[in-house]
């Protein structure tokens, strides 16, 4: 029985690892735009234009990402590279043509930042806030991350006050749902029942 349970637990861990590894994702570093194939991360990607400040708008529409608010800046502030592009905006807001199940983004800002995910009806699915203990005095580097069992169709990244600017980079969108822990618990319970049945059967055979 113990051996069967050990095997079941090992299977659950393996399934959890494979689910995480198999989750498809799109990484946007804002250095390139999708090319003619409409896919980011391929050979025909187009370098982001070298402009001081530009609205993101439909720059990533080819991959289903539409910014209704948010601007892109090229400057050395974020990571010391004068050629780096990153979001520098008071309130980036985006909608998704294709739903995602996880969002993460890095922040290097003077202010707190709150990432909020919404469903197709505009209901809040999840929020995550990065708190800067030296808010307004010193920029702090950190990451915001959200996962959801329900599909995400919109997200916003907002500072505490409307006029405060956030600096954000490396946006990652997870496009495939990851099984919830409850599903693995159900699998373990099922395997345990199977092990119990096998044990009783072996006793009856003796």
C-alpha atoms as a PDB file:
ATOM      1  CA  UNK A   1       0.000   0.000   0.000  1.00  0.00           C
ATOM      2  CA  UNK A   2       2.753   2.420   0.981  1.00  0.00           C
ATOM      3  CA  UNK A   3       4.597   1.634  -2.223  1.00  0.00           C
ATOM      4  CA  UNK A   4       1.479   2.370  -4.292  1.00  0.00           C
ATOM      5  CA  UNK A   5       0.927   5.672  -2.480  1.00  0.00           C
ATOM      6  CA  UNK A   6       4.558   6.608  -3.040  1.00  0.00           C
ATOM      7  CA  UNK A   7       4.154   5.904  -6.749  1.00  0.00           C
ATOM      8  CA  UNK A   8       0.934   7.967  -6.801  1.00  0.00           C
ATOM      9  CA  UNK A   9       2.627  10.912  -5.110  1.00  0.00           C
ATOM     10  CA  UNK A  10       5.543  10.680  -7.548  1.00  0.00           C
ATOM     11  CA  UNK A  11       3.100  10.690 -10.460  1.00  0.00           C
ATOM     12  CA  UNK A  12       1.361  13.790  -9.104  1.00  0.00           C
ATOM     13  CA  UNK A  13       4.655  15.641  -8.742  1.00  0.00           C
ATOM     14  CA  UNK A  14       5.655  14.611 -12.264  1.00  0.00           C
ATOM     15  CA  UNK A  15       2.318  15.760 -13.657  1.00  0.00           C
ATOM     16  CA  UNK A  16       2.603  19.085 -11.833  1.00  0.00           C
ATOM     17  CA  UNK A  17       6.087  19.656 -13.241  1.00  0.00           C
ATOM     18  CA  UNK A  18       5.061  18.694 -16.753  1.00  0.00           C
ATOM     19  CA  UNK A  19       1.991  20.951 -16.586  1.00  0.00           C
ATOM     20  CA  UNK A  20       4.139  23.919 -15.563  1.00  0.00           C
ATOM     21  CA  UNK A  21       6.743  23.149 -18.201  1.00  0.00           C
ATOM     22  CA  UNK A  22       4.098  22.638 -20.860  1.00  0.00           C
ATOM     23  CA  UNK A  23       2.294  25.908 -20.205  1.00  0.00           C
ATOM     24  CA  UNK A  24       2.700  27.977 -23.364  1.00  0.00           C
ATOM     25  CA  UNK A  25       3.767  31.585 -22.899  1.00  0.00           C
ATOM     26  CA  UNK A  26       4.529  34.728 -24.876  1.00  0.00           C
ATOM     27  CA  UNK A  27       7.354  36.961 -23.644  1.00  0.00           C
ATOM     28  CA  UNK A  28       7.328  40.623 -24.691  1.00  0.00           C
ATOM     29  CA  UNK A  29      10.505  42.577 -23.985  1.00  0.00           C
ATOM     30  CA  UNK A  30       9.303  45.557 -26.072  1.00  0.00           C
ATOM     31  CA  UNK A  31      12.475  45.451 -28.174  1.00  0.00           C
ATOM     32  CA  UNK A  32      10.698  43.893 -31.169  1.00  0.00           C
ATOM     33  CA  UNK A  33       7.270  43.892 -32.782  1.00  0.00           C
ATOM     34  CA  UNK A  34       5.639  40.928 -34.570  1.00  0.00           C
ATOM     35  CA  UNK A  35       6.585  40.692 -38.252  1.00  0.00           C
ATOM     36  CA  UNK A  36       4.543  39.583 -41.253  1.00  0.00           C
ATOM     37  CA  UNK A  37       3.834  36.152 -39.743  1.00  0.00           C
ATOM     38  CA  UNK A  38       2.051  37.753 -36.787  1.00  0.00           C
ATOM     39  CA  UNK A  39       4.137  35.769 -34.294  1.00  0.00           C
ATOM     40  CA  UNK A  40       6.551  37.283 -31.794  1.00  0.00           C
ATOM     41  CA  UNK A  41       9.965  35.665 -31.415  1.00  0.00           C
ATOM     42  CA  UNK A  42      10.494  34.586 -35.019  1.00  0.00           C
ATOM     43  CA  UNK A  43      13.052  35.615 -37.628  1.00  0.00           C
ATOM     44  CA  UNK A  44      10.893  38.310 -39.229  1.00  0.00           C
ATOM     45  CA  UNK A  45      10.319  40.332 -36.033  1.00  0.00           C
ATOM     46  CA  UNK A  46      10.677  44.086 -36.493  1.00  0.00           C
ATOM     47  CA  UNK A  47      12.823  46.202 -34.124  1.00  0.00           C
ATOM     48  CA  UNK A  48      10.851  48.656 -32.019  1.00  0.00           C
ATOM     49  CA  UNK A  49      11.090  52.191 -33.476  1.00  0.00           C
ATOM     50  CA  UNK A  50      13.627  54.424 -31.750  1.00  0.00           C
ATOM     51  CA  UNK A  51      11.348  57.186 -30.590  1.00  0.00           C
ATOM     52  CA  UNK A  52      11.397  59.077 -27.317  1.00  0.00           C
ATOM     53  CA  UNK A  53       7.854  58.259 -26.260  1.00  0.00           C
ATOM     54  CA  UNK A  54       5.223  56.442 -28.286  1.00  0.00           C
ATOM     55  CA  UNK A  55       1.750  55.073 -27.483  1.00  0.00           C
ATOM     56  CA  UNK A  56       1.667  51.274 -27.482  1.00  0.00           C
ATOM     57  CA  UNK A  57      -1.813  51.154 -29.011  1.00  0.00           C
ATOM     58  CA  UNK A  58      -2.023  48.353 -31.576  1.00  0.00           C
ATOM     59  CA  UNK A  59       1.729  47.623 -31.708  1.00  0.00           C
ATOM     60  CA  UNK A  60       1.074  44.033 -30.576  1.00  0.00           C
ATOM     61  CA  UNK A  61      -2.361  43.542 -32.146  1.00  0.00           C
ATOM     62  CA  UNK A  62      -0.969  40.700 -34.288  1.00  0.00           C
ATOM     63  CA  UNK A  63      -0.630  38.546 -31.169  1.00  0.00           C
ATOM     64  CA  UNK A  64      -3.988  39.646 -29.754  1.00  0.00           C
ATOM     65  CA  UNK A  65      -2.738  42.315 -27.341  1.00  0.00           C
ATOM     66  CA  UNK A  66      -4.352  45.756 -27.576  1.00  0.00           C
ATOM     67  CA  UNK A  67      -3.270  48.656 -25.366  1.00  0.00           C
ATOM     68  CA  UNK A  68      -5.963  51.261 -24.789  1.00  0.00           C
ATOM     69  CA  UNK A  69      -3.572  53.112 -22.478  1.00  0.00           C
ATOM     70  CA  UNK A  70       0.201  52.942 -22.150  1.00  0.00           C
ATOM     71  CA  UNK A  71       3.314  54.440 -23.726  1.00  0.00           C
ATOM     72  CA  UNK A  72       6.710  53.036 -24.628  1.00  0.00           C
ATOM     73  CA  UNK A  73       9.944  54.826 -23.733  1.00  0.00           C
ATOM     74  CA  UNK A  74      13.498  54.252 -24.920  1.00  0.00           C
ATOM     75  CA  UNK A  75      15.952  55.287 -22.185  1.00  0.00           C
ATOM     76  CA  UNK A  76      18.720  54.108 -19.888  1.00  0.00           C
ATOM     77  CA  UNK A  77      16.620  54.522 -16.737  1.00  0.00           C
ATOM     78  CA  UNK A  78      15.222  51.012 -16.511  1.00  0.00           C
ATOM     79  CA  UNK A  79      18.390  48.921 -16.744  1.00  0.00           C
ATOM     80  CA  UNK A  80      21.211  51.263 -17.719  1.00  0.00           C
ATOM     81  CA  UNK A  81      20.939  50.443 -21.436  1.00  0.00           C
ATOM     82  CA  UNK A  82      20.152  53.602 -23.403  1.00  0.00           C
ATOM     83  CA  UNK A  83      18.655  51.473 -26.194  1.00  0.00           C
ATOM     84  CA  UNK A  84      16.209  49.634 -23.926  1.00  0.00           C
ATOM     85  CA  UNK A  85      12.484  49.989 -24.554  1.00  0.00           C
ATOM     86  CA  UNK A  86      10.020  49.673 -21.670  1.00  0.00           C
ATOM     87  CA  UNK A  87       6.572  50.869 -20.683  1.00  0.00           C
ATOM     88  CA  UNK A  88       6.709  54.266 -18.975  1.00  0.00           C
ATOM     89  CA  UNK A  89       3.131  55.257 -18.344  1.00  0.00           C
ATOM     90  CA  UNK A  90       0.682  56.388 -15.686  1.00  0.00           C
ATOM     91  CA  UNK A  91      -1.799  53.584 -16.280  1.00  0.00           C
ATOM     92  CA  UNK A  92      -1.165  50.798 -18.811  1.00  0.00           C
ATOM     93  CA  UNK A  93      -4.427  49.049 -19.710  1.00  0.00           C
ATOM     94  CA  UNK A  94      -4.741  46.269 -22.289  1.00  0.00           C
ATOM     95  CA  UNK A  95      -7.364  43.930 -23.707  1.00  0.00           C
ATOM     96  CA  UNK A  96      -6.752  40.481 -25.164  1.00  0.00           C
ATOM     97  CA  UNK A  97      -8.346  38.990 -28.271  1.00  0.00           C
ATOM     98  CA  UNK A  98      -7.174  35.567 -27.140  1.00  0.00           C
ATOM     99  CA  UNK A  99      -7.512  34.831 -23.413  1.00  0.00           C
ATOM    100  CA  UNK A 100      -4.559  34.095 -21.159  1.00  0.00           C
ATOM    101  CA  UNK A 101      -4.355  32.376 -17.771  1.00  0.00           C
ATOM    102  CA  UNK A 102      -1.356  34.098 -16.274  1.00  0.00           C
ATOM    103  CA  UNK A 103       0.363  37.488 -16.486  1.00  0.00           C
ATOM    104  CA  UNK A 104       3.678  38.666 -15.083  1.00  0.00           C
ATOM    105  CA  UNK A 105       5.622  41.875 -15.574  1.00  0.00           C
ATOM    106  CA  UNK A 106       8.712  43.461 -14.016  1.00  0.00           C
ATOM    107  CA  UNK A 107       8.610  46.916 -12.434  1.00  0.00           C
ATOM    108  CA  UNK A 108      11.287  49.493 -11.642  1.00  0.00           C
ATOM    109  CA  UNK A 109       9.223  52.342 -10.287  1.00  0.00           C
ATOM    110  CA  UNK A 110       9.035  54.983  -7.575  1.00  0.00           C
ATOM    111  CA  UNK A 111       5.481  53.981  -6.758  1.00  0.00           C
ATOM    112  CA  UNK A 112       3.444  50.990  -5.705  1.00  0.00           C
ATOM    113  CA  UNK A 113       2.021  49.083  -8.675  1.00  0.00           C
ATOM    114  CA  UNK A 114      -1.133  46.975  -8.838  1.00  0.00           C
ATOM    115  CA  UNK A 115      -1.757  44.391 -11.557  1.00  0.00           C
ATOM    116  CA  UNK A 116      -5.440  43.507 -12.001  1.00  0.00           C
ATOM    117  CA  UNK A 117      -6.895  40.841 -14.290  1.00  0.00           C
ATOM    118  CA  UNK A 118     -10.482  40.875 -15.593  1.00  0.00           C
ATOM    119  CA  UNK A 119     -12.767  38.395 -17.336  1.00  0.00           C
ATOM    120  CA  UNK A 120     -14.683  39.053 -20.558  1.00  0.00           C
ATOM    121  CA  UNK A 121     -17.456  40.817 -18.598  1.00  0.00           C
ATOM    122  CA  UNK A 122     -15.069  43.147 -16.783  1.00  0.00           C
ATOM    123  CA  UNK A 123     -15.225  41.320 -13.448  1.00  0.00           C
ATOM    124  CA  UNK A 124     -12.033  41.239 -11.398  1.00  0.00           C
ATOM    125  CA  UNK A 125     -10.388  37.800 -11.394  1.00  0.00           C
ATOM    126  CA  UNK A 126      -7.247  38.561  -9.396  1.00  0.00           C
ATOM    127  CA  UNK A 127      -4.982  41.363  -8.239  1.00  0.00           C
ATOM    128  CA  UNK A 128      -1.365  41.601  -7.150  1.00  0.00           C
ATOM    129  CA  UNK A 129       0.289  44.681  -5.650  1.00  0.00           C
ATOM    130  CA  UNK A 130       4.007  45.424  -5.498  1.00  0.00           C
ATOM    131  CA  UNK A 131       4.614  47.687  -2.503  1.00  0.00           C
ATOM    132  CA  UNK A 132       7.548  50.099  -2.528  1.00  0.00           C
ATOM    133  CA  UNK A 133       8.394  50.937   1.121  1.00  0.00           C
ATOM    134  CA  UNK A 134      10.261  54.063  -0.090  1.00  0.00           C
ATOM    135  CA  UNK A 135       7.421  55.157  -2.336  1.00  0.00           C
ATOM    136  CA  UNK A 136       8.162  58.452  -4.054  1.00  0.00           C
ATOM    137  CA  UNK A 137      11.764  58.548  -2.779  1.00  0.00           C
ATOM    138  CA  UNK A 138      13.545  55.674  -4.497  1.00  0.00           C
ATOM    139  CA  UNK A 139      12.735  53.379  -7.401  1.00  0.00           C
ATOM    140  CA  UNK A 140      12.345  49.722  -6.456  1.00  0.00           C
ATOM    141  CA  UNK A 141      12.733  46.685  -8.690  1.00  0.00           C
ATOM    142  CA  UNK A 142      10.256  43.852  -8.367  1.00  0.00           C
ATOM    143  CA  UNK A 143       7.749  41.688 -10.200  1.00  0.00           C
ATOM    144  CA  UNK A 144       3.976  41.477 -10.450  1.00  0.00           C
ATOM    145  CA  UNK A 145       2.339  38.154 -11.218  1.00  0.00           C
ATOM    146  CA  UNK A 146      -1.179  36.743 -11.531  1.00  0.00           C
ATOM    147  CA  UNK A 147      -2.573  33.327 -12.434  1.00  0.00           C
ATOM    148  CA  UNK A 148      -6.220  32.491 -12.978  1.00  0.00           C
ATOM    149  CA  UNK A 149      -8.227  29.331 -13.612  1.00  0.00           C
ATOM    150  CA  UNK A 150     -10.705  31.488 -15.521  1.00  0.00           C
ATOM    151  CA  UNK A 151      -9.615  33.113 -18.808  1.00  0.00           C
ATOM    152  CA  UNK A 152      -8.244  36.666 -18.595  1.00  0.00           C
ATOM    153  CA  UNK A 153      -9.402  39.090 -21.274  1.00  0.00           C
ATOM    154  CA  UNK A 154      -8.172  42.404 -19.868  1.00  0.00           C
ATOM    155  CA  UNK A 155      -5.563  43.685 -17.455  1.00  0.00           C
ATOM    156  CA  UNK A 156      -4.398  46.967 -15.965  1.00  0.00           C
ATOM    157  CA  UNK A 157      -1.249  48.052 -14.116  1.00  0.00           C
ATOM    158  CA  UNK A 158      -1.972  51.102 -12.003  1.00  0.00           C
ATOM    159  CA  UNK A 159      -0.103  53.320  -9.533  1.00  0.00           C
ATOM    160  CA  UNK A 160      -1.831  54.677  -6.380  1.00  0.00           C
ATOM    161  CA  UNK A 161      -2.414  58.089  -7.965  1.00  0.00           C
ATOM    162  CA  UNK A 162      -3.415  58.809 -11.557  1.00  0.00           C
ATOM    163  CA  UNK A 163      -0.478  61.116 -12.337  1.00  0.00           C
ATOM    164  CA  UNK A 164       2.213  58.739 -11.048  1.00  0.00           C
ATOM    165  CA  UNK A 165       4.343  57.004 -13.690  1.00  0.00           C
ATOM    166  CA  UNK A 166       5.201  53.297 -13.657  1.00  0.00           C
ATOM    167  CA  UNK A 167       8.192  51.812 -15.486  1.00  0.00           C
ATOM    168  CA  UNK A 168       7.559  48.231 -16.611  1.00  0.00           C
ATOM    169  CA  UNK A 169       9.319  45.631 -18.738  1.00  0.00           C
ATOM    170  CA  UNK A 170       9.333  41.946 -19.712  1.00  0.00           C
ATOM    171  CA  UNK A 171       5.638  41.151 -19.956  1.00  0.00           C
ATOM    172  CA  UNK A 172       4.890  37.405 -19.972  1.00  0.00           C
ATOM    173  CA  UNK A 173       1.474  36.033 -20.960  1.00  0.00           C
ATOM    174  CA  UNK A 174       0.678  32.383 -20.179  1.00  0.00           C
ATOM    175  CA  UNK A 175      -1.699  31.183 -22.868  1.00  0.00           C
ATOM    176  CA  UNK A 176      -2.584  27.709 -21.604  1.00  0.00           C
ATOM    177  CA  UNK A 177      -4.387  26.910 -18.355  1.00  0.00           C
ATOM    178  CA  UNK A 178      -2.384  25.154 -15.644  1.00  0.00           C
ATOM    179  CA  UNK A 179      -4.287  22.434 -13.730  1.00  0.00           C
ATOM    180  CA  UNK A 180      -5.325  23.507 -10.253  1.00  0.00           C
ATOM    181  CA  UNK A 181      -3.884  21.772  -7.137  1.00  0.00           C
ATOM    182  CA  UNK A 182      -7.318  20.263  -6.499  1.00  0.00           C
ATOM    183  CA  UNK A 183      -7.044  18.262  -9.694  1.00  0.00           C
ATOM    184  CA  UNK A 184      -3.821  16.654  -8.502  1.00  0.00           C
ATOM    185  CA  UNK A 185      -5.424  15.937  -5.115  1.00  0.00           C
ATOM    186  CA  UNK A 186      -8.268  14.143  -6.893  1.00  0.00           C
ATOM    187  CA  UNK A 187      -5.763  12.116  -8.895  1.00  0.00           C
ATOM    188  CA  UNK A 188      -3.899  11.137  -5.722  1.00  0.00           C
ATOM    189  CA  UNK A 189      -7.155  10.126  -4.017  1.00  0.00           C
ATOM    190  CA  UNK A 190      -8.122   8.007  -7.025  1.00  0.00           C
ATOM    191  CA  UNK A 191      -4.781   6.252  -7.071  1.00  0.00           C
ATOM    192  CA  UNK A 192      -5.021   5.650  -3.319  1.00  0.00           C
ATOM    193  CA  UNK A 193      -8.413   4.015  -3.764  1.00  0.00           C
ATOM    194  CA  UNK A 194      -6.979   1.854  -6.528  1.00  0.00           C
ATOM    195  CA  UNK A 195      -4.112   0.845  -4.247  1.00  0.00           C
ATOM    196  CA  UNK A 196      -6.556  -0.028  -1.478  1.00  0.00           C
ATOM    197  CA  UNK A 197      -8.618  -2.166  -3.846  1.00  0.00           C
ATOM    198  CA  UNK A 198      -5.468  -3.946  -5.061  1.00  0.00           C
ATOM    199  CA  UNK A 199      -4.419  -4.642  -1.467  1.00  0.00           C
ATOM    200  CA  UNK A 200      -7.800  -6.123  -0.524  1.00  0.00           C
ATOM    201  CA  UNK A 201      -7.776  -8.239  -3.661  1.00  0.00           C
ATOM    202  CA  UNK A 202      -4.311  -9.626  -2.916  1.00  0.00           C
ATOM    203  CA  UNK A 203      -5.452 -10.594   0.603  1.00  0.00           C
ATOM    204  CA  UNK A 204      -8.494 -12.447  -0.730  1.00  0.00           C
ATOM    205  CA  UNK A 205      -6.310 -14.405  -3.173  1.00  0.00           C
ATOM    206  CA  UNK A 206      -4.040 -15.740  -0.408  1.00  0.00           C
END
